[in-house]
N, C-alpha and C. Protein backbone atom coordinates (compact mmCIF):
# COMPACT_ATOMS: atom_id res chain seq x y z
N UNK A 1 78.52 88.82 68.91
CA UNK A 1 79.05 87.54 68.96
C UNK A 1 79.55 87.12 70.62
N UNK A 2 80.07 85.82 70.69
CA UNK A 2 80.40 85.61 72.20
C UNK A 2 81.27 85.55 72.53
N UNK A 3 81.55 85.07 73.29
CA UNK A 3 82.95 85.40 74.66
C UNK A 3 83.78 84.45 73.65
N UNK A 4 83.48 83.34 72.98
CA UNK A 4 84.05 82.17 72.59
C UNK A 4 84.32 82.44 71.14
N UNK A 5 83.52 82.86 70.37
CA UNK A 5 83.79 83.35 69.40
C UNK A 5 84.65 84.46 69.07
N UNK A 6 84.48 85.41 70.17
CA UNK A 6 85.43 86.59 69.95
C UNK A 6 86.98 86.15 69.90
N UNK A 7 86.73 85.26 71.50
CA UNK A 7 88.56 84.78 71.87
C UNK A 7 89.00 83.85 70.09
N UNK A 8 87.89 83.19 69.67
CA UNK A 8 88.61 82.05 68.61
C UNK A 8 89.26 83.30 67.04
N UNK A 9 88.06 84.09 67.20
CA UNK A 9 88.48 85.40 66.12
C UNK A 9 89.58 86.09 66.15
N UNK A 10 90.17 86.67 67.69
CA UNK A 10 91.21 87.05 68.11
C UNK A 10 92.67 86.12 67.86
N UNK A 11 92.54 84.85 67.94
CA UNK A 11 93.47 83.71 67.81
C UNK A 11 93.85 83.90 66.55
N UNK A 12 92.82 83.54 65.87
CA UNK A 12 93.17 83.47 64.36
C UNK A 12 93.85 85.08 63.79
N UNK A 13 92.84 86.01 64.00
CA UNK A 13 93.82 87.26 64.04
C UNK A 13 95.18 87.97 64.32
N UNK A 14 95.01 87.32 65.59
CA UNK A 14 96.39 88.66 66.13
C UNK A 14 97.68 87.11 66.91
N UNK A 15 97.39 86.21 66.75
CA UNK A 15 98.12 85.05 67.16
C UNK A 15 99.66 84.96 66.73
N UNK A 16 99.71 85.49 65.53
CA UNK A 16 100.66 85.58 64.61
C UNK A 16 101.77 86.82 65.01
N UNK A 17 101.19 87.44 65.16
CA UNK A 17 101.99 88.90 65.95
C UNK A 17 102.28 88.79 67.07
N UNK A 18 101.39 88.06 68.09
CA UNK A 18 102.03 88.17 69.30
C UNK A 18 103.07 87.07 69.48
N UNK A 19 103.21 85.84 68.54
CA UNK A 19 104.35 84.89 68.70
C UNK A 19 105.53 85.64 67.80
N UNK A 20 105.42 86.74 67.47
CA UNK A 20 106.38 87.25 66.46
C UNK A 20 107.10 88.57 67.65
N UNK A 21 106.42 88.78 68.60
CA UNK A 21 107.05 89.48 69.48
C UNK A 21 107.34 88.96 70.58
N UNK A 22 106.81 87.48 70.99
CA UNK A 22 107.24 86.82 72.03
C UNK A 22 108.98 86.35 71.76
N UNK A 23 108.78 85.75 70.93
CA UNK A 23 110.23 85.34 70.19
C UNK A 23 111.45 86.32 69.79
N UNK A 24 110.72 87.53 69.48
CA UNK A 24 111.97 88.72 70.05
C UNK A 24 112.55 88.81 71.58
N UNK A 25 111.07 88.87 72.19
CA UNK A 25 111.37 88.89 73.34
C UNK A 25 112.09 87.82 74.16
N UNK A 26 112.00 86.55 73.79
CA UNK A 26 112.49 85.28 74.77
C UNK A 26 113.39 84.50 73.99
N UNK A 27 113.94 85.02 72.54
CA UNK A 27 114.56 84.33 71.85
C UNK A 27 114.45 82.65 72.06
N UNK A 28 113.54 82.26 71.81
CA UNK A 28 113.08 80.92 72.03
C UNK A 28 111.79 80.65 71.61
N UNK A 29 111.82 79.83 70.38
CA UNK A 29 110.27 79.52 69.95
C UNK A 29 109.12 78.99 70.41
N UNK A 30 109.46 77.41 71.21
CA UNK A 30 109.10 77.08 72.04
C UNK A 30 108.13 77.81 72.92
N UNK A 31 109.16 78.85 74.11
CA UNK A 31 109.01 79.33 75.31
C UNK A 31 108.02 80.40 74.35
N UNK A 32 108.44 80.72 73.70
CA UNK A 32 107.26 81.86 72.98
C UNK A 32 105.68 81.80 72.61
N UNK A 33 105.54 80.00 72.03
CA UNK A 33 104.61 79.34 71.89
C UNK A 33 103.91 79.46 73.27
N UNK A 34 104.47 79.00 74.02
CA UNK A 34 103.86 78.63 75.62
C UNK A 34 103.45 80.16 75.98
N UNK A 35 104.03 81.16 75.83
CA UNK A 35 104.09 82.39 76.13
C UNK A 35 102.52 82.73 75.65
N UNK A 36 102.34 82.85 74.51
CA UNK A 36 101.46 83.23 73.65
C UNK A 36 99.99 81.99 73.84
N UNK A 37 100.35 80.82 74.41
CA UNK A 37 98.84 80.39 74.78
C UNK A 37 98.87 80.83 76.08
N UNK A 38 99.50 81.16 76.88
CA UNK A 38 99.34 81.68 78.01
C UNK A 38 98.29 82.73 78.19
N UNK A 39 98.71 83.91 77.43
CA UNK A 39 98.24 84.99 77.08
C UNK A 39 96.73 84.96 76.56
N UNK A 40 96.37 83.94 75.44
CA UNK A 40 95.10 83.74 75.28
C UNK A 40 94.31 83.08 76.81
N UNK A 41 95.33 82.50 77.20
CA UNK A 41 94.06 81.85 78.54
C UNK A 41 93.89 82.48 79.42
N UNK A 42 94.66 83.81 79.30
CA UNK A 42 94.37 85.14 80.59
C UNK A 42 93.34 85.66 80.34
N UNK A 43 93.28 85.98 78.80
CA UNK A 43 92.51 86.89 77.98
C UNK A 43 91.00 86.25 78.14
N UNK A 44 90.68 84.87 78.24
CA UNK A 44 89.58 84.54 78.05
C UNK A 44 89.46 84.48 79.47
N UNK A 45 90.04 84.31 80.38
CA UNK A 45 89.45 84.33 81.56
C UNK A 45 89.14 85.64 82.03
N UNK A 46 89.83 86.62 82.08
CA UNK A 46 89.81 88.41 82.18
C UNK A 46 89.04 89.02 80.77
N UNK A 47 88.30 88.22 80.17
CA UNK A 47 87.57 88.27 79.18
C UNK A 47 86.74 90.00 79.45
N UNK A 48 86.11 89.71 80.49
CA UNK A 48 84.81 90.16 81.11
C UNK A 48 85.47 91.77 81.04
N UNK A 49 87.21 91.97 81.78
CA UNK A 49 87.84 93.00 82.26
C UNK A 49 88.11 93.89 80.84
N UNK A 50 88.14 93.42 79.66
CA UNK A 50 88.13 94.10 78.41
C UNK A 50 87.11 94.94 78.23
N UNK A 51 87.08 96.50 78.11
CA UNK A 51 86.10 97.17 77.82
C UNK A 51 86.33 97.65 76.06
N UNK A 52 86.88 97.25 75.48
CA UNK A 52 86.95 97.78 74.44
C UNK A 52 87.57 99.30 74.14
N UNK A 53 88.04 99.95 75.06
CA UNK A 53 88.69 101.22 75.09
C UNK A 53 89.74 101.30 74.23
N UNK A 54 90.26 99.98 74.03
CA UNK A 54 91.90 100.10 72.88
C UNK A 54 91.44 98.84 71.76
N UNK A 55 92.10 98.45 70.84
CA UNK A 55 91.75 97.65 69.99
C UNK A 55 92.69 96.45 71.24
N UNK A 56 91.54 95.27 70.54
CA UNK A 56 92.15 93.95 71.35
C UNK A 56 93.89 93.56 70.94
N UNK A 57 94.05 93.90 70.05
CA UNK A 57 95.58 93.76 70.17
C UNK A 57 96.42 94.36 71.07
N UNK A 58 96.61 95.62 71.19
CA UNK A 58 97.06 96.54 72.41
C UNK A 58 96.67 95.56 73.23
N UNK A 59 95.24 95.24 73.97
CA UNK A 59 94.60 94.70 75.36
C UNK A 59 95.94 93.02 75.31
N UNK A 60 95.69 92.72 74.46
CA UNK A 60 96.53 91.61 74.08
C UNK A 60 97.88 91.49 74.51
N UNK A 61 98.51 92.50 73.42
CA UNK A 61 100.03 92.58 73.96
C UNK A 61 100.42 93.08 75.19
N UNK A 62 99.65 93.84 76.21
CA UNK A 62 99.89 94.29 77.17
C UNK A 62 99.81 93.05 78.23
N UNK A 63 99.01 92.17 77.82
CA UNK A 63 99.00 90.59 78.56
C UNK A 63 100.24 90.05 78.14
N UNK A 64 100.97 90.11 76.97
CA UNK A 64 101.82 89.29 76.48
C UNK A 64 102.92 90.04 77.42
N UNK A 65 103.48 91.40 77.41
CA UNK A 65 104.38 91.96 78.03
C UNK A 65 104.58 91.27 79.94
N UNK A 66 103.17 91.14 80.29
CA UNK A 66 103.45 90.86 81.53
C UNK A 66 103.55 89.08 81.67
N UNK A 67 103.04 88.50 80.96
CA UNK A 67 103.77 87.15 80.93
C UNK A 67 104.69 86.72 80.51
N UNK A 68 105.85 87.76 79.86
CA UNK A 68 107.21 88.05 79.44
C UNK A 68 107.88 88.15 80.52
N UNK A 69 107.15 89.34 81.34
CA UNK A 69 107.62 89.38 82.61
C UNK A 69 107.96 88.70 83.95
N UNK A 70 106.81 87.53 83.89
CA UNK A 70 106.59 86.63 84.77
C UNK A 70 107.91 85.15 84.13
N UNK A 71 107.50 85.45 82.86
CA UNK A 71 108.99 84.33 82.60
C UNK A 71 110.07 84.54 82.80
N UNK A 72 110.50 85.61 82.50
CA UNK A 72 111.81 86.21 82.99
C UNK A 72 112.65 86.45 84.53
N UNK A 73 111.12 86.88 85.57
CA UNK A 73 111.11 86.77 86.19
C UNK A 73 111.50 85.27 86.81
N UNK A 74 110.58 84.36 86.36
CA UNK A 74 110.99 83.03 87.06
C UNK A 74 112.25 81.70 86.77
N UNK A 75 112.24 82.37 85.28
CA UNK A 75 113.71 82.07 84.76
C UNK A 75 114.91 82.73 85.57
N UNK A 76 114.95 83.38 85.79
CA UNK A 76 115.82 84.23 86.46
C UNK A 76 116.26 83.94 87.91
N UNK A 77 114.87 83.48 88.95
CA UNK A 77 115.22 83.32 90.22
C UNK A 77 115.63 81.63 90.29
N UNK A 78 115.26 80.88 89.01
CA UNK A 78 115.66 79.32 88.38
C UNK A 78 116.90 79.06 88.48
N UNK A 79 117.63 79.92 87.89
CA UNK A 79 119.35 79.82 87.18
C UNK A 79 119.96 79.74 88.26
N UNK A 80 121.28 78.64 87.99
CA UNK A 80 122.16 78.55 89.22
C UNK A 80 122.98 79.97 88.82
N UNK A 81 123.70 79.91 90.14
CA UNK A 81 124.88 81.37 90.38
C UNK A 81 125.75 81.17 89.25
N UNK A 82 126.02 82.50 89.03
CA UNK A 82 126.89 82.86 87.87
C UNK A 82 128.59 82.71 88.40
N UNK A 83 129.17 82.14 87.80
CA UNK A 83 130.55 82.16 88.16
C UNK A 83 131.32 83.16 87.45
N UNK A 84 132.08 83.86 88.14
CA UNK A 84 132.83 84.75 87.51
C UNK A 84 134.24 84.50 87.03
N UNK A 85 134.63 83.28 86.97
CA UNK A 85 135.64 83.13 86.59
C UNK A 85 136.07 83.05 85.53
N UNK A 86 135.23 83.61 84.42
CA UNK A 86 135.51 84.08 82.90
C UNK A 86 136.43 85.16 83.33
N UNK A 87 136.46 86.16 84.32
CA UNK A 87 136.83 87.72 83.97
C UNK A 87 137.96 87.87 84.95
N UNK A 88 137.76 86.96 86.33
CA UNK A 88 138.57 87.16 87.19
C UNK A 88 139.66 85.73 86.76
N UNK A 89 140.67 86.16 88.22
CA UNK A 89 141.64 85.23 88.34
C UNK A 89 141.21 84.89 90.01
N UNK A 90 141.91 83.91 90.46
CA UNK A 90 142.01 83.13 91.53
C UNK A 90 141.79 84.50 92.73
N UNK A 91 142.84 85.08 92.25
CA UNK A 91 143.66 86.67 93.50
C UNK A 91 142.30 87.26 93.42
N UNK A 92 141.55 87.39 92.09
CA UNK A 92 140.65 88.93 92.17
C UNK A 92 141.16 89.14 91.10
N UNK A 93 142.13 89.63 90.42
CA UNK A 93 142.39 90.45 89.36
C UNK A 93 142.02 90.18 87.96
N UNK A 94 141.87 91.40 87.23
CA UNK A 94 141.25 90.63 86.06
C UNK A 94 142.25 90.01 85.20
N UNK A 95 141.14 88.88 84.57
CA UNK A 95 141.99 87.22 83.91
C UNK A 95 142.44 87.80 82.65
N UNK A 96 141.43 88.65 81.89
CA UNK A 96 142.34 89.18 80.41
C UNK A 96 142.28 90.66 80.18
N UNK A 97 143.10 91.60 80.05
CA UNK A 97 142.75 93.14 80.27
C UNK A 97 142.50 93.40 78.42
N UNK A 98 142.88 92.34 77.77
CA UNK A 98 142.47 92.70 76.18
C UNK A 98 140.87 93.01 75.80
N UNK A 99 140.18 92.40 76.74
CA UNK A 99 138.88 93.18 76.26
C UNK A 99 138.83 94.71 76.47
N UNK A 100 139.87 95.36 76.78
CA UNK A 100 139.38 96.40 76.85
C UNK A 100 140.29 97.02 75.80
N UNK A 101 140.62 96.83 75.21
CA UNK A 101 141.48 97.42 73.69
C UNK A 101 140.33 98.02 72.92
N UNK A 102 140.63 99.01 72.60
CA UNK A 102 140.19 100.19 71.62
C UNK A 102 139.89 99.38 70.50
N UNK A 103 138.51 99.67 69.91
CA UNK A 103 138.02 99.32 68.77
C UNK A 103 138.29 100.29 67.41
N UNK A 104 138.69 100.46 66.34
CA UNK A 104 138.76 101.45 65.89
C UNK A 104 137.53 101.37 65.22
N UNK A 105 136.49 102.03 65.11
CA UNK A 105 135.44 102.18 64.50
C UNK A 105 134.85 103.60 64.13
N UNK A 106 135.83 104.56 63.77
CA UNK A 106 136.02 105.84 63.61
C UNK A 106 134.70 106.16 62.58
N UNK A 107 133.41 106.56 62.52
CA UNK A 107 132.51 106.90 61.47
C UNK A 107 132.05 105.33 60.79
N UNK A 108 132.67 104.57 61.74
CA UNK A 108 131.50 103.04 61.33
C UNK A 108 130.70 102.83 61.89
N UNK A 109 130.16 103.70 63.13
CA UNK A 109 129.07 102.96 64.17
C UNK A 109 127.53 102.54 63.15
N UNK A 110 127.55 103.62 61.82
CA UNK A 110 125.86 103.43 61.52
C UNK A 110 126.23 102.36 60.83
N UNK A 111 127.30 102.15 59.83
CA UNK A 111 127.81 100.73 59.12
C UNK A 111 127.48 99.80 59.69
N UNK A 112 127.87 99.49 60.91
CA UNK A 112 128.07 98.19 61.58
C UNK A 112 126.48 97.68 61.77
N UNK A 113 125.90 99.24 62.62
CA UNK A 113 124.47 98.77 62.40
C UNK A 113 123.58 98.35 61.74
N UNK A 114 124.07 98.67 60.21
CA UNK A 114 123.56 98.23 59.02
C UNK A 114 123.78 97.03 58.37
N UNK A 115 124.77 96.25 59.02
CA UNK A 115 126.01 95.08 58.53
C UNK A 115 125.08 93.63 58.96
N UNK A 116 124.69 93.28 58.11
CA UNK A 116 123.59 91.73 58.52
C UNK A 116 124.83 91.07 59.23
N UNK A 117 125.63 90.91 58.69
CA UNK A 117 126.64 89.87 59.43
C UNK A 117 126.82 90.69 61.03
N UNK A 118 127.34 91.99 60.98
CA UNK A 118 127.76 92.47 62.24
C UNK A 118 126.56 91.94 63.22
N UNK A 119 125.49 92.47 62.70
CA UNK A 119 124.29 92.54 63.85
C UNK A 119 123.91 90.49 64.05
N UNK A 120 123.60 89.89 63.01
CA UNK A 120 123.77 88.22 63.48
C UNK A 120 124.99 87.97 64.71
N UNK A 121 126.32 88.80 64.48
CA UNK A 121 127.34 88.12 65.48
C UNK A 121 127.25 89.06 66.73
N UNK A 122 126.28 90.12 66.77
CA UNK A 122 125.92 90.59 68.27
C UNK A 122 124.92 89.79 68.94
N UNK A 123 123.88 89.15 67.49
CA UNK A 123 123.08 88.54 68.67
C UNK A 123 123.46 87.25 68.83
N UNK A 124 124.53 86.60 68.52
CA UNK A 124 124.94 85.42 68.45
C UNK A 124 126.19 85.50 70.18
N UNK A 125 126.16 86.88 70.04
CA UNK A 125 127.02 87.17 71.41
C UNK A 125 126.07 86.78 72.68
N UNK A 126 125.04 87.82 72.28
CA UNK A 126 123.99 88.15 73.13
C UNK A 126 123.20 87.08 73.59
N UNK A 127 123.06 85.91 72.73
CA UNK A 127 122.68 84.29 73.19
C UNK A 127 123.50 83.97 73.86
N UNK A 128 124.66 83.89 74.18
CA UNK A 128 125.78 83.63 74.18
C UNK A 128 125.99 83.85 75.85
N UNK A 129 125.37 84.85 76.58
CA UNK A 129 125.56 85.62 77.46
C UNK A 129 124.92 85.09 79.12
N UNK A 130 124.97 84.34 80.09
CA UNK A 130 124.48 83.63 80.98
C UNK A 130 122.95 83.96 80.92
N UNK A 131 122.31 82.88 80.94
CA UNK A 131 120.53 83.71 81.46
C UNK A 131 120.42 84.97 82.13
N UNK A 132 120.89 84.64 83.74
CA UNK A 132 121.23 85.69 84.64
C UNK A 132 121.47 86.99 84.04
N UNK A 133 122.45 87.16 83.04
CA UNK A 133 122.52 88.17 82.48
C UNK A 133 121.50 88.79 81.33
N UNK A 134 121.81 87.75 80.31
CA UNK A 134 120.52 88.18 79.45
C UNK A 134 119.23 88.42 79.40
N UNK A 135 118.58 87.96 80.57
CA UNK A 135 117.42 88.38 81.02
C UNK A 135 117.40 89.80 81.23
N UNK A 136 118.33 90.46 82.26
CA UNK A 136 118.09 91.70 82.28
C UNK A 136 118.57 92.77 81.34
N UNK A 137 119.54 92.19 80.18
CA UNK A 137 119.81 93.23 79.35
C UNK A 137 119.00 93.44 78.13
N UNK A 138 118.25 92.09 78.11
CA UNK A 138 117.11 92.25 77.53
C UNK A 138 116.17 93.58 77.64
N UNK A 139 115.71 93.15 78.85
CA UNK A 139 114.83 94.12 79.45
C UNK A 139 115.38 95.68 79.26
N UNK A 140 116.46 95.71 79.69
CA UNK A 140 116.49 97.29 79.81
C UNK A 140 116.96 97.57 78.59
N UNK A 141 118.03 97.20 78.00
CA UNK A 141 117.88 97.71 75.95
C UNK A 141 117.33 97.67 75.15
N UNK A 142 116.65 95.85 75.24
CA UNK A 142 115.64 95.85 74.27
C UNK A 142 114.24 96.04 73.99
N UNK A 143 113.87 95.54 75.36
CA UNK A 143 112.27 96.16 75.98
C UNK A 143 112.49 97.75 76.03
N UNK A 144 113.90 98.19 76.40
CA UNK A 144 114.25 100.18 76.42
C UNK A 144 113.02 100.07 77.97
N UNK A 145 113.28 98.73 79.00
CA UNK A 145 112.31 99.21 80.56
C UNK A 145 113.72 99.70 81.17
N UNK A 146 113.22 100.93 81.93
CA UNK A 146 114.23 101.88 83.18
C UNK A 146 114.55 100.92 83.86
N UNK A 147 115.59 101.15 84.43
CA UNK A 147 116.30 100.40 85.27
C UNK A 147 115.34 100.15 87.16
N UNK A 148 114.45 100.88 87.62
CA UNK A 148 113.83 100.58 88.68
C UNK A 148 112.82 99.28 88.05
N UNK A 149 111.97 99.42 86.70
CA UNK A 149 111.06 98.49 86.72
C UNK A 149 112.05 97.10 86.46
N UNK A 150 113.19 96.90 85.61
CA UNK A 150 113.41 95.41 85.71
C UNK A 150 114.50 95.23 86.80
N UNK A 151 114.63 95.86 87.73
CA UNK A 151 114.69 95.39 88.84
C UNK A 151 113.58 94.93 89.98
N UNK A 152 112.26 95.67 89.50
CA UNK A 152 111.55 95.50 90.06
C UNK A 152 110.81 94.07 89.91
N UNK A 153 110.90 94.05 88.60
CA UNK A 153 110.52 92.74 88.27
C UNK A 153 111.23 91.41 88.00
N UNK A 154 112.47 91.49 88.27
CA UNK A 154 113.38 90.72 88.55
C UNK A 154 114.15 90.76 90.21
N UNK A 155 113.09 91.02 90.72
CA UNK A 155 113.47 91.40 92.60
C UNK A 155 114.78 91.20 92.68
N UNK A 156 115.50 92.01 92.21
CA UNK A 156 116.90 92.35 92.34
C UNK A 156 117.40 93.95 92.45
N UNK A 157 118.69 94.54 93.26
CA UNK A 157 118.49 95.81 93.79
C UNK A 157 119.09 96.69 92.08
N UNK A 158 119.05 97.74 92.28
CA UNK A 158 119.17 98.31 91.01
C UNK A 158 120.77 97.98 91.27
N UNK A 159 121.42 98.21 91.97
CA UNK A 159 122.98 98.10 92.15
C UNK A 159 123.41 96.77 91.33
N UNK A 160 122.53 95.88 91.53
CA UNK A 160 122.92 94.46 91.07
C UNK A 160 122.77 94.52 89.74
N UNK A 161 121.53 95.28 89.96
CA UNK A 161 121.10 95.46 87.97
C UNK A 161 122.46 96.33 87.37
N UNK A 162 122.98 96.75 87.66
CA UNK A 162 124.14 97.81 87.23
C UNK A 162 125.30 96.93 86.91
N UNK A 163 125.46 96.29 88.20
CA UNK A 163 126.77 95.41 87.86
C UNK A 163 126.56 94.23 86.64
N UNK A 164 125.38 93.63 86.87
CA UNK A 164 124.96 92.68 85.97
C UNK A 164 125.10 93.26 83.93
N UNK A 165 124.65 94.50 84.19
CA UNK A 165 124.70 95.39 82.84
C UNK A 165 126.12 95.84 82.04
N UNK A 166 126.86 95.95 83.44
CA UNK A 166 128.73 96.15 83.19
C UNK A 166 129.17 94.66 82.73
N UNK A 167 128.79 93.62 83.63
CA UNK A 167 129.39 92.66 83.04
C UNK A 167 129.03 92.24 82.00
N UNK A 168 127.49 92.15 81.73
CA UNK A 168 127.35 91.84 80.22
C UNK A 168 127.85 92.48 79.23
N UNK A 169 128.04 93.80 79.24
CA UNK A 169 128.47 94.73 78.02
C UNK A 169 130.09 94.15 78.26
N UNK A 170 130.88 93.89 79.16
CA UNK A 170 132.14 93.64 79.03
C UNK A 170 132.04 91.75 78.24
N UNK A 171 131.33 90.85 78.67
CA UNK A 171 131.52 89.94 77.63
C UNK A 171 131.16 90.33 76.17
N UNK A 172 129.85 90.90 76.03
CA UNK A 172 129.71 91.32 75.00
C UNK A 172 130.66 91.86 73.94
N UNK A 173 131.85 92.49 74.80
CA UNK A 173 132.68 92.83 74.21
C UNK A 173 134.07 92.38 73.71
N UNK A 174 133.72 91.51 74.70
CA UNK A 174 135.35 90.62 74.74
C UNK A 174 134.98 89.20 73.15
N UNK A 175 133.53 88.77 73.32
CA UNK A 175 132.75 88.27 72.46
C UNK A 175 133.11 88.53 70.52
N UNK A 176 132.66 90.16 70.83
CA UNK A 176 132.56 91.10 69.35
C UNK A 176 134.30 91.31 69.05
N UNK A 177 135.12 91.09 69.92
CA UNK A 177 136.45 91.88 69.82
C UNK A 177 137.05 90.03 69.29
N UNK A 178 136.18 89.26 69.58
CA UNK A 178 137.18 88.23 69.27
C UNK A 178 136.22 87.55 67.94
N UNK A 179 135.27 87.78 67.83
CA UNK A 179 134.13 86.94 66.50
C UNK A 179 134.06 87.83 65.51
N UNK A 180 134.35 89.41 65.48
CA UNK A 180 133.83 90.48 64.81
C UNK A 180 135.07 91.31 64.23
N UNK A 181 135.66 91.94 65.38
CA UNK A 181 136.59 92.74 64.93
C UNK A 181 137.85 92.45 64.51
N UNK A 182 138.45 91.00 65.46
CA UNK A 182 139.70 90.85 65.21
C UNK A 182 139.58 89.61 63.68
N UNK A 183 138.32 89.67 63.43
CA UNK A 183 138.38 89.04 61.90
C UNK A 183 138.35 89.81 61.12
N UNK A 184 137.89 91.07 60.79
CA UNK A 184 137.95 92.48 59.51
C UNK A 184 138.85 93.00 60.11
């Protein structure tokens, strides 16, 4: 089979799986479609380097992971500065300590993770994070990348990453407090 025929076959076989993974990672179908298109363009350009030691889908998924990292790196650098006035008063003190309230979730953690409504609420809260926070959170918690790898891909210090993750957890907690626990 020629290079063009092989690539055409791969597009037919693997586009759907690549798109599902990309949508999961970037939470935007249009962006995911663009990324998948870039995957196949890269695969075409570097087709000769594919040695066949792995399955084509494995190779394509690896290219996808690099494209997603490029997407986040570019998006992270293009976002405006984050304002912390959501958490802090002008004098630097905490704006609202209610986010620190204890949740009565004893023996309910497993139930919550199986609850479709809770998971939807959590997903909505995650999507409400500023992009500069959402990107590291997804890379660290959802893609399960190690802190040094996330820091390197986003070109930020590990200390900055930990601060971003902490602030994100606080905002997620506040969002869940308001949108889930206060209602249940």
